[in-house]
Full PDB file with SEQRES, HELIX, SHEET, SSBOND, CRYST1, ORIGX, SCALE, CONECT and MASTER records, all heavy atoms in Angstrom:
SEQRES   1 A   34  ASP LEU THR CYS MET GLY ALA LYS PRO LEU TYR LEU THR          
SEQRES   2 A   34  CYS ALA PHE ILE ILE GLU GLU GLY LEU GLU THR ALA LYS          
SEQRES   3 A   34  LEU ASP GLN ILE ALA LYS ALA MET                              
HELIX    1 AA1 THR A    3  MET A    5  5                                   3    
HELIX    2 AA2 THR A   24  ALA A   33  1                                  10    
CRYST1    1.000    1.000    1.000  90.00  90.00  90.00 P 1           1          
ORIGX1      1.000000  0.000000  0.000000        0.00000                         
ORIGX2      0.000000  1.000000  0.000000        0.00000                         
ORIGX3      0.000000  0.000000  1.000000        0.00000                         
SCALE1      1.000000  0.000000  0.000000        0.00000                         
SCALE2      0.000000  1.000000  0.000000        0.00000                         
SCALE3      0.000000  0.000000  1.000000        0.00000                         
ATOM      1  N   ASP A   1      94.381 -50.862  40.725  1.00  0.00           N  
ATOM      2  CA  ASP A   1      95.574 -51.669  41.015  1.00  0.00           C  
ATOM      3  C   ASP A   1      96.414 -51.020  42.113  1.00  0.00           C  
ATOM      4  O   ASP A   1      96.928 -51.706  43.010  1.00  0.00           O  
ATOM      5  CB  ASP A   1      96.411 -51.853  39.751  1.00  0.00           C  
ATOM      6  CG  ASP A   1      95.814 -52.886  38.801  1.00  0.00           C  
ATOM      7  OD1 ASP A   1      94.913 -53.640  39.219  1.00  0.00           O  
ATOM      8  OD2 ASP A   1      96.242 -52.931  37.631  1.00  0.00           O  
ATOM      9  N   LEU A   2      96.594 -49.718  42.053  1.00  0.00           N  
ATOM     10  CA  LEU A   2      97.320 -49.015  43.115  1.00  0.00           C  
ATOM     11  C   LEU A   2      96.563 -49.106  44.433  1.00  0.00           C  
ATOM     12  O   LEU A   2      97.151 -49.326  45.504  1.00  0.00           O  
ATOM     13  CB  LEU A   2      97.520 -47.545  42.731  1.00  0.00           C  
ATOM     14  CG  LEU A   2      98.414 -47.268  41.525  1.00  0.00           C  
ATOM     15  CD1 LEU A   2      98.346 -45.792  41.145  1.00  0.00           C  
ATOM     16  CD2 LEU A   2      99.862 -47.678  41.795  1.00  0.00           C  
ATOM     17  N   THR A   3      95.247 -48.945  44.358  1.00  0.00           N  
ATOM     18  CA  THR A   3      94.403 -48.996  45.544  1.00  0.00           C  
ATOM     19  C   THR A   3      94.550 -50.320  46.272  1.00  0.00           C  
ATOM     20  O   THR A   3      94.555 -50.365  47.508  1.00  0.00           O  
ATOM     21  CB  THR A   3      92.934 -48.763  45.135  1.00  0.00           C  
ATOM     22  OG1 THR A   3      92.804 -47.441  44.590  1.00  0.00           O  
ATOM     23  CG2 THR A   3      91.990 -48.918  46.306  1.00  0.00           C  
ATOM     24  N   CYS A   4      94.670 -51.403  45.513  1.00  0.00           N  
ATOM     25  CA  CYS A   4      94.794 -52.737  46.122  1.00  0.00           C  
ATOM     26  C   CYS A   4      96.043 -52.877  46.984  1.00  0.00           C  
ATOM     27  O   CYS A   4      96.108 -53.772  47.834  1.00  0.00           O  
ATOM     28  CB  CYS A   4      94.808 -53.811  45.038  1.00  0.00           C  
ATOM     29  SG  CYS A   4      93.214 -54.092  44.281  1.00  0.00           S  
ATOM     30  N   MET A   5      97.022 -52.026  46.776  1.00  0.00           N  
ATOM     31  CA  MET A   5      98.235 -52.049  47.582  1.00  0.00           C  
ATOM     32  C   MET A   5      98.183 -51.038  48.716  1.00  0.00           C  
ATOM     33  O   MET A   5      99.165 -50.840  49.433  1.00  0.00           O  
ATOM     34  CB  MET A   5      99.465 -51.791  46.707  1.00  0.00           C  
ATOM     35  CG  MET A   5      99.651 -52.798  45.589  1.00  0.00           C  
ATOM     36  SD  MET A   5      99.572 -54.526  46.153  1.00  0.00           S  
ATOM     37  CE  MET A   5     100.977 -54.588  47.256  1.00  0.00           C  
ATOM     38  N   GLY A   6      97.040 -50.356  48.864  1.00  0.00           N  
ATOM     39  CA  GLY A   6      96.941 -49.324  49.887  1.00  0.00           C  
ATOM     40  C   GLY A   6      97.676 -48.062  49.515  1.00  0.00           C  
ATOM     41  O   GLY A   6      98.146 -47.322  50.382  1.00  0.00           O  
ATOM     42  N   ALA A   7      97.750 -47.777  48.219  1.00  0.00           N  
ATOM     43  CA  ALA A   7      98.480 -46.605  47.741  1.00  0.00           C  
ATOM     44  C   ALA A   7      97.510 -45.577  47.170  1.00  0.00           C  
ATOM     45  O   ALA A   7      96.699 -45.895  46.297  1.00  0.00           O  
ATOM     46  CB  ALA A   7      99.489 -47.006  46.665  1.00  0.00           C  
ATOM     47  N   LYS A   8      97.603 -44.354  47.648  1.00  0.00           N  
ATOM     48  CA  LYS A   8      96.784 -43.273  47.118  1.00  0.00           C  
ATOM     49  C   LYS A   8      97.282 -42.900  45.732  1.00  0.00           C  
ATOM     50  O   LYS A   8      98.442 -42.500  45.560  1.00  0.00           O  
ATOM     51  CB  LYS A   8      96.870 -42.049  48.032  1.00  0.00           C  
ATOM     52  CG  LYS A   8      96.056 -40.872  47.527  1.00  0.00           C  
ATOM     53  CD  LYS A   8      96.192 -39.658  48.420  1.00  0.00           C  
ATOM     54  CE  LYS A   8      95.361 -38.496  47.882  1.00  0.00           C  
ATOM     55  NZ  LYS A   8      95.485 -37.291  48.725  1.00  0.00           N  
ATOM     56  N   PRO A   9      96.449 -43.010  44.704  1.00  0.00           N  
ATOM     57  CA  PRO A   9      96.899 -42.678  43.346  1.00  0.00           C  
ATOM     58  C   PRO A   9      97.250 -41.200  43.220  1.00  0.00           C  
ATOM     59  O   PRO A   9      96.481 -40.332  43.636  1.00  0.00           O  
ATOM     60  CB  PRO A   9      95.676 -43.034  42.478  1.00  0.00           C  
ATOM     61  CG  PRO A   9      94.871 -43.990  43.309  1.00  0.00           C  
ATOM     62  CD  PRO A   9      95.072 -43.540  44.719  1.00  0.00           C  
ATOM     63  N   LEU A  10      98.414 -40.925  42.662  1.00  0.00           N  
ATOM     64  CA  LEU A  10      98.878 -39.546  42.505  1.00  0.00           C  
ATOM     65  C   LEU A  10      99.003 -39.142  41.045  1.00  0.00           C  
ATOM     66  O   LEU A  10      98.476 -38.111  40.630  1.00  0.00           O  
ATOM     67  CB  LEU A  10     100.235 -39.367  43.188  1.00  0.00           C  
ATOM     68  CG  LEU A  10     100.304 -39.593  44.696  1.00  0.00           C  
ATOM     69  CD1 LEU A  10     101.749 -39.451  45.172  1.00  0.00           C  
ATOM     70  CD2 LEU A  10      99.396 -38.618  45.429  1.00  0.00           C  
ATOM     71  N   TYR A  11      99.729 -39.938  40.260  1.00  0.00           N  
ATOM     72  CA  TYR A  11     100.062 -39.565  38.892  1.00  0.00           C  
ATOM     73  C   TYR A  11      99.781 -40.721  37.938  1.00  0.00           C  
ATOM     74  O   TYR A  11      99.974 -41.887  38.277  1.00  0.00           O  
ATOM     75  CB  TYR A  11     101.547 -39.195  38.774  1.00  0.00           C  
ATOM     76  CG  TYR A  11     102.042 -38.220  39.808  1.00  0.00           C  
ATOM     77  CD1 TYR A  11     103.061 -38.571  40.694  1.00  0.00           C  
ATOM     78  CD2 TYR A  11     101.504 -36.936  39.890  1.00  0.00           C  
ATOM     79  CE1 TYR A  11     103.532 -37.676  41.642  1.00  0.00           C  
ATOM     80  CE2 TYR A  11     101.967 -36.035  40.844  1.00  0.00           C  
ATOM     81  CZ  TYR A  11     102.978 -36.407  41.718  1.00  0.00           C  
ATOM     82  OH  TYR A  11     103.432 -35.524  42.659  1.00  0.00           O  
ATOM     83  N   LEU A  12      99.371 -40.362  36.723  1.00  0.00           N  
ATOM     84  CA  LEU A  12      99.183 -41.343  35.661  1.00  0.00           C  
ATOM     85  C   LEU A  12      99.849 -40.855  34.382  1.00  0.00           C  
ATOM     86  O   LEU A  12      99.879 -39.647  34.110  1.00  0.00           O  
ATOM     87  CB  LEU A  12      97.688 -41.550  35.362  1.00  0.00           C  
ATOM     88  CG  LEU A  12      96.801 -42.201  36.413  1.00  0.00           C  
ATOM     89  CD1 LEU A  12      95.350 -42.184  35.939  1.00  0.00           C  
ATOM     90  CD2 LEU A  12      97.239 -43.633  36.686  1.00  0.00           C  
ATOM     91  N   THR A  13     100.371 -41.792  33.617  1.00  0.00           N  
ATOM     92  CA  THR A  13     100.729 -41.519  32.228  1.00  0.00           C  
ATOM     93  C   THR A  13      99.871 -42.413  31.347  1.00  0.00           C  
ATOM     94  O   THR A  13      99.354 -43.442  31.803  1.00  0.00           O  
ATOM     95  CB  THR A  13     102.216 -41.795  31.944  1.00  0.00           C  
ATOM     96  OG1 THR A  13     102.470 -43.207  32.059  1.00  0.00           O  
ATOM     97  CG2 THR A  13     103.115 -41.040  32.901  1.00  0.00           C  
ATOM     98  N   CYS A  14      99.721 -42.024  30.096  1.00  0.00           N  
ATOM     99  CA  CYS A  14      98.897 -42.835  29.191  1.00  0.00           C  
ATOM    100  C   CYS A  14      99.518 -42.852  27.799  1.00  0.00           C  
ATOM    101  O   CYS A  14     100.121 -41.864  27.360  1.00  0.00           O  
ATOM    102  CB  CYS A  14      97.463 -42.306  29.135  1.00  0.00           C  
ATOM    103  SG  CYS A  14      97.314 -40.590  28.619  1.00  0.00           S  
ATOM    104  N   ALA A  15      99.351 -43.985  27.127  1.00  0.00           N  
ATOM    105  CA  ALA A  15      99.815 -44.127  25.748  1.00  0.00           C  
ATOM    106  C   ALA A  15      98.654 -44.640  24.908  1.00  0.00           C  
ATOM    107  O   ALA A  15      97.966 -45.589  25.304  1.00  0.00           O  
ATOM    108  CB  ALA A  15     100.996 -45.092  25.677  1.00  0.00           C  
ATOM    109  N   PHE A  16      98.440 -44.009  23.759  1.00  0.00           N  
ATOM    110  CA  PHE A  16      97.344 -44.362  22.861  1.00  0.00           C  
ATOM    111  C   PHE A  16      97.889 -45.005  21.584  1.00  0.00           C  
ATOM    112  O   PHE A  16      98.813 -44.461  20.972  1.00  0.00           O  
ATOM    113  CB  PHE A  16      96.548 -43.120  22.451  1.00  0.00           C  
ATOM    114  CG  PHE A  16      95.755 -42.490  23.565  1.00  0.00           C  
ATOM    115  CD1 PHE A  16      96.366 -41.623  24.462  1.00  0.00           C  
ATOM    116  CD2 PHE A  16      94.410 -42.757  23.705  1.00  0.00           C  
ATOM    117  CE1 PHE A  16      95.645 -41.029  25.480  1.00  0.00           C  
ATOM    118  CE2 PHE A  16      93.682 -42.169  24.730  1.00  0.00           C  
ATOM    119  CZ  PHE A  16      94.294 -41.306  25.613  1.00  0.00           C  
ATOM    120  N   ILE A  17      97.314 -46.129  21.197  1.00  0.00           N  
ATOM    121  CA  ILE A  17      97.512 -46.696  19.867  1.00  0.00           C  
ATOM    122  C   ILE A  17      96.172 -46.532  19.158  1.00  0.00           C  
ATOM    123  O   ILE A  17      95.182 -47.183  19.510  1.00  0.00           O  
ATOM    124  CB  ILE A  17      97.905 -48.181  19.910  1.00  0.00           C  
ATOM    125  CG1 ILE A  17      99.141 -48.396  20.798  1.00  0.00           C  
ATOM    126  CG2 ILE A  17      98.125 -48.721  18.498  1.00  0.00           C  
ATOM    127  CD1 ILE A  17     100.395 -47.758  20.273  1.00  0.00           C  
ATOM    128  N   ILE A  18      96.109 -45.648  18.170  1.00  0.00           N  
ATOM    129  CA  ILE A  18      94.850 -45.282  17.524  1.00  0.00           C  
ATOM    130  C   ILE A  18      94.834 -45.824  16.097  1.00  0.00           C  
ATOM    131  O   ILE A  18      95.797 -45.649  15.337  1.00  0.00           O  
ATOM    132  CB  ILE A  18      94.678 -43.750  17.492  1.00  0.00           C  
ATOM    133  CG1 ILE A  18      94.779 -43.174  18.917  1.00  0.00           C  
ATOM    134  CG2 ILE A  18      93.347 -43.359  16.856  1.00  0.00           C  
ATOM    135  CD1 ILE A  18      94.880 -41.656  18.949  1.00  0.00           C  
ATOM    136  N   GLU A  19      93.745 -46.475  15.746  1.00  0.00           N  
ATOM    137  CA  GLU A  19      93.594 -47.001  14.389  1.00  0.00           C  
ATOM    138  C   GLU A  19      93.183 -45.876  13.441  1.00  0.00           C  
ATOM    139  O   GLU A  19      92.283 -45.081  13.744  1.00  0.00           O  
ATOM    140  CB  GLU A  19      92.540 -48.111  14.364  1.00  0.00           C  
ATOM    141  CG  GLU A  19      92.374 -48.752  12.996  1.00  0.00           C  
ATOM    142  CD  GLU A  19      91.252 -49.782  12.969  1.00  0.00           C  
ATOM    143  OE1 GLU A  19      90.354 -49.697  13.833  1.00  0.00           O  
ATOM    144  OE2 GLU A  19      91.266 -50.653  12.083  1.00  0.00           O  
ATOM    145  N   GLU A  20      93.848 -45.802  12.317  1.00  0.00           N  
ATOM    146  CA  GLU A  20      93.466 -44.852  11.280  1.00  0.00           C  
ATOM    147  C   GLU A  20      91.965 -44.991  10.966  1.00  0.00           C  
ATOM    148  O   GLU A  20      91.454 -46.106  10.816  1.00  0.00           O  
ATOM    149  CB  GLU A  20      94.286 -45.135  10.018  1.00  0.00           C  
ATOM    150  CG  GLU A  20      93.938 -44.289   8.822  1.00  0.00           C  
ATOM    151  CD  GLU A  20      94.608 -44.778   7.549  1.00  0.00           C  
ATOM    152  OE1 GLU A  20      95.065 -45.942   7.524  1.00  0.00           O  
ATOM    153  OE2 GLU A  20      94.660 -44.000   6.581  1.00  0.00           O  
ATOM    154  N   GLY A  21      91.274 -43.872  10.923  1.00  0.00           N  
ATOM    155  CA  GLY A  21      89.852 -43.900  10.617  1.00  0.00           C  
ATOM    156  C   GLY A  21      88.947 -43.787  11.832  1.00  0.00           C  
ATOM    157  O   GLY A  21      87.728 -43.646  11.689  1.00  0.00           O  
ATOM    158  N   LEU A  22      89.517 -43.856  13.042  1.00  0.00           N  
ATOM    159  CA  LEU A  22      88.692 -43.675  14.229  1.00  0.00           C  
ATOM    160  C   LEU A  22      88.038 -42.295  14.189  1.00  0.00           C  
ATOM    161  O   LEU A  22      88.702 -41.293  13.892  1.00  0.00           O  
ATOM    162  CB  LEU A  22      89.553 -43.793  15.496  1.00  0.00           C  
ATOM    163  CG  LEU A  22      88.828 -43.509  16.830  1.00  0.00           C  
ATOM    164  CD1 LEU A  22      87.788 -44.580  17.134  1.00  0.00           C  
ATOM    165  CD2 LEU A  22      89.821 -43.387  17.976  1.00  0.00           C  
ATOM    166  N   GLU A  23      86.754 -42.257  14.495  1.00  0.00           N  
ATOM    167  CA  GLU A  23      86.057 -40.976  14.501  1.00  0.00           C  
ATOM    168  C   GLU A  23      86.639 -40.078  15.595  1.00  0.00           C  
ATOM    169  O   GLU A  23      86.795 -40.502  16.744  1.00  0.00           O  
ATOM    170  CB  GLU A  23      84.564 -41.194  14.740  1.00  0.00           C  
ATOM    171  CG  GLU A  23      83.869 -41.925  13.606  1.00  0.00           C  
ATOM    172  CD  GLU A  23      82.418 -42.224  13.940  1.00  0.00           C  
ATOM    173  OE1 GLU A  23      81.831 -41.480  14.748  1.00  0.00           O  
ATOM    174  OE2 GLU A  23      81.885 -43.205  13.403  1.00  0.00           O  
ATOM    175  N   THR A  24      86.937 -38.856  15.219  1.00  0.00           N  
ATOM    176  CA  THR A  24      87.498 -37.900  16.169  1.00  0.00           C  
ATOM    177  C   THR A  24      86.566 -37.699  17.356  1.00  0.00           C  
ATOM    178  O   THR A  24      87.020 -37.558  18.505  1.00  0.00           O  
ATOM    179  CB  THR A  24      87.760 -36.563  15.464  1.00  0.00           C  
ATOM    180  OG1 THR A  24      88.581 -36.790  14.310  1.00  0.00           O  
ATOM    181  CG2 THR A  24      88.445 -35.583  16.394  1.00  0.00           C  
ATOM    182  N   ALA A  25      85.264 -37.693  17.103  1.00  0.00           N  
ATOM    183  CA  ALA A  25      84.296 -37.505  18.185  1.00  0.00           C  
ATOM    184  C   ALA A  25      84.380 -38.629  19.205  1.00  0.00           C  
ATOM    185  O   ALA A  25      84.193 -38.403  20.406  1.00  0.00           O  
ATOM    186  CB  ALA A  25      82.885 -37.419  17.610  1.00  0.00           C  
ATOM    187  N   LYS A  26      84.650 -39.845  18.759  1.00  0.00           N  
ATOM    188  CA  LYS A  26      84.787 -40.970  19.688  1.00  0.00           C  
ATOM    189  C   LYS A  26      86.036 -40.804  20.549  1.00  0.00           C  
ATOM    190  O   LYS A  26      86.012 -41.077  21.758  1.00  0.00           O  
ATOM    191  CB  LYS A  26      84.837 -42.293  18.930  1.00  0.00           C  
ATOM    192  CG  LYS A  26      83.502 -42.738  18.360  1.00  0.00           C  
ATOM    193  CD  LYS A  26      83.601 -44.132  17.780  1.00  0.00           C  
ATOM    194  CE  LYS A  26      82.239 -44.641  17.311  1.00  0.00           C  
ATOM    195  NZ  LYS A  26      82.329 -46.009  16.739  1.00  0.00           N  
ATOM    196  N   LEU A  27      87.130 -40.379  19.924  1.00  0.00           N  
ATOM    197  CA  LEU A  27      88.359 -40.163  20.693  1.00  0.00           C  
ATOM    198  C   LEU A  27      88.137 -39.053  21.727  1.00  0.00           C  
ATOM    199  O   LEU A  27      88.626 -39.138  22.855  1.00  0.00           O  
ATOM    200  CB  LEU A  27      89.507 -39.801  19.764  1.00  0.00           C  
ATOM    201  CG  LEU A  27      90.884 -39.649  20.416  1.00  0.00           C  
ATOM    202  CD1 LEU A  27      91.314 -40.950  21.093  1.00  0.00           C  
ATOM    203  CD2 LEU A  27      91.921 -39.206  19.390  1.00  0.00           C  
ATOM    204  N   ASP A  28      87.388 -38.044  21.350  1.00  0.00           N  
ATOM    205  CA  ASP A  28      87.063 -36.967  22.281  1.00  0.00           C  
ATOM    206  C   ASP A  28      86.267 -37.510  23.467  1.00  0.00           C  
ATOM    207  O   ASP A  28      86.539 -37.159  24.631  1.00  0.00           O  
ATOM    208  CB  ASP A  28      86.257 -35.889  21.557  1.00  0.00           C  
ATOM    209  CG  ASP A  28      86.057 -34.639  22.394  1.00  0.00           C  
ATOM    210  OD1 ASP A  28      85.099 -34.600  23.188  1.00  0.00           O  
ATOM    211  OD2 ASP A  28      86.874 -33.702  22.258  1.00  0.00           O  
ATOM    212  N   GLN A  29      85.292 -38.382  23.220  1.00  0.00           N  
ATOM    213  CA  GLN A  29      84.509 -38.986  24.305  1.00  0.00           C  
ATOM    214  C   GLN A  29      85.389 -39.807  25.235  1.00  0.00           C  
ATOM    215  O   GLN A  29      85.210 -39.793  26.460  1.00  0.00           O  
ATOM    216  CB  GLN A  29      83.413 -39.880  23.719  1.00  0.00           C  
ATOM    217  CG  GLN A  29      82.289 -39.157  23.020  1.00  0.00           C  
ATOM    218  CD  GLN A  29      81.291 -40.134  22.419  1.00  0.00           C  
ATOM    219  OE1 GLN A  29      80.774 -41.032  23.088  1.00  0.00           O  
ATOM    220  NE2 GLN A  29      81.028 -39.984  21.134  1.00  0.00           N  
ATOM    221  N   ILE A  30      86.335 -40.536  24.652  1.00  0.00           N  
ATOM    222  CA  ILE A  30      87.233 -41.371  25.446  1.00  0.00           C  
ATOM    223  C   ILE A  30      88.111 -40.516  26.352  1.00  0.00           C  
ATOM    224  O   ILE A  30      88.254 -40.782  27.554  1.00  0.00           O  
ATOM    225  CB  ILE A  30      88.086 -42.253  24.511  1.00  0.00           C  
ATOM    226  CG1 ILE A  30      87.217 -43.347  23.876  1.00  0.00           C  
ATOM    227  CG2 ILE A  30      89.273 -42.864  25.255  1.00  0.00           C  
ATOM    228  CD1 ILE A  30      87.871 -44.068  22.720  1.00  0.00           C  
ATOM    229  N   ALA A  31      88.699 -39.456  25.782  1.00  0.00           N  
ATOM    230  CA  ALA A  31      89.554 -38.569  26.581  1.00  0.00           C  
ATOM    231  C   ALA A  31      88.748 -37.871  27.668  1.00  0.00           C  
ATOM    232  O   ALA A  31      89.216 -37.711  28.806  1.00  0.00           O  
ATOM    233  CB  ALA A  31      90.227 -37.544  25.669  1.00  0.00           C  
ATOM    234  N   LYS A  32      87.533 -37.456  27.344  1.00  0.00           N  
ATOM    235  CA  LYS A  32      86.680 -36.802  28.337  1.00  0.00           C  
ATOM    236  C   LYS A  32      86.373 -37.756  29.493  1.00  0.00           C  
ATOM    237  O   LYS A  32      86.428 -37.365  30.674  1.00  0.00           O  
ATOM    238  CB  LYS A  32      85.376 -36.343  27.684  1.00  0.00           C  
ATOM    239  CG  LYS A  32      84.446 -35.618  28.640  1.00  0.00           C  
ATOM    240  CD  LYS A  32      83.162 -35.177  27.930  1.00  0.00           C  
ATOM    241  CE  LYS A  32      82.232 -34.450  28.894  1.00  0.00           C  
ATOM    242  NZ  LYS A  32      80.950 -34.070  28.243  1.00  0.00           N  
ATOM    243  N   ALA A  33      86.064 -39.015  29.176  1.00  0.00           N  
ATOM    244  CA  ALA A  33      85.781 -40.003  30.222  1.00  0.00           C  
ATOM    245  C   ALA A  33      87.000 -40.235  31.101  1.00  0.00           C  
ATOM    246  O   ALA A  33      86.879 -40.390  32.330  1.00  0.00           O  
ATOM    247  CB  ALA A  33      85.332 -41.323  29.593  1.00  0.00           C  
ATOM    248  N   MET A  34      88.189 -40.241  30.499  1.00  0.00           N  
ATOM    249  CA  MET A  34      89.414 -40.400  31.277  1.00  0.00           C  
ATOM    250  C   MET A  34      89.593 -39.245  32.250  1.00  0.00           C  
ATOM    251  O   MET A  34      89.893 -39.448  33.432  1.00  0.00           O  
ATOM    252  CB  MET A  34      90.625 -40.491  30.340  1.00  0.00           C  
ATOM    253  CG  MET A  34      90.649 -41.745  29.484  1.00  0.00           C  
ATOM    254  SD  MET A  34      92.016 -41.752  28.285  1.00  0.00           S  
ATOM    255  CE  MET A  34      93.421 -42.020  29.365  1.00  0.00           C  
TER     256      MET A  34                                                      
MASTER        0    0    0    2    0    0    0    6  255    1    0    3          
END                                                                             
C-alpha cells in the first residue's frame, strides 16, 4: 500500500488478536514470516 504511493516503507506497527488455544508453534511461524 505504501509502495503504491511511491513511498519507501520505513516503519511498521502491528496488533495481534489471538484466539485462545492457538498453537504456540503456529504463532511462532507467523512471527517468523513477518
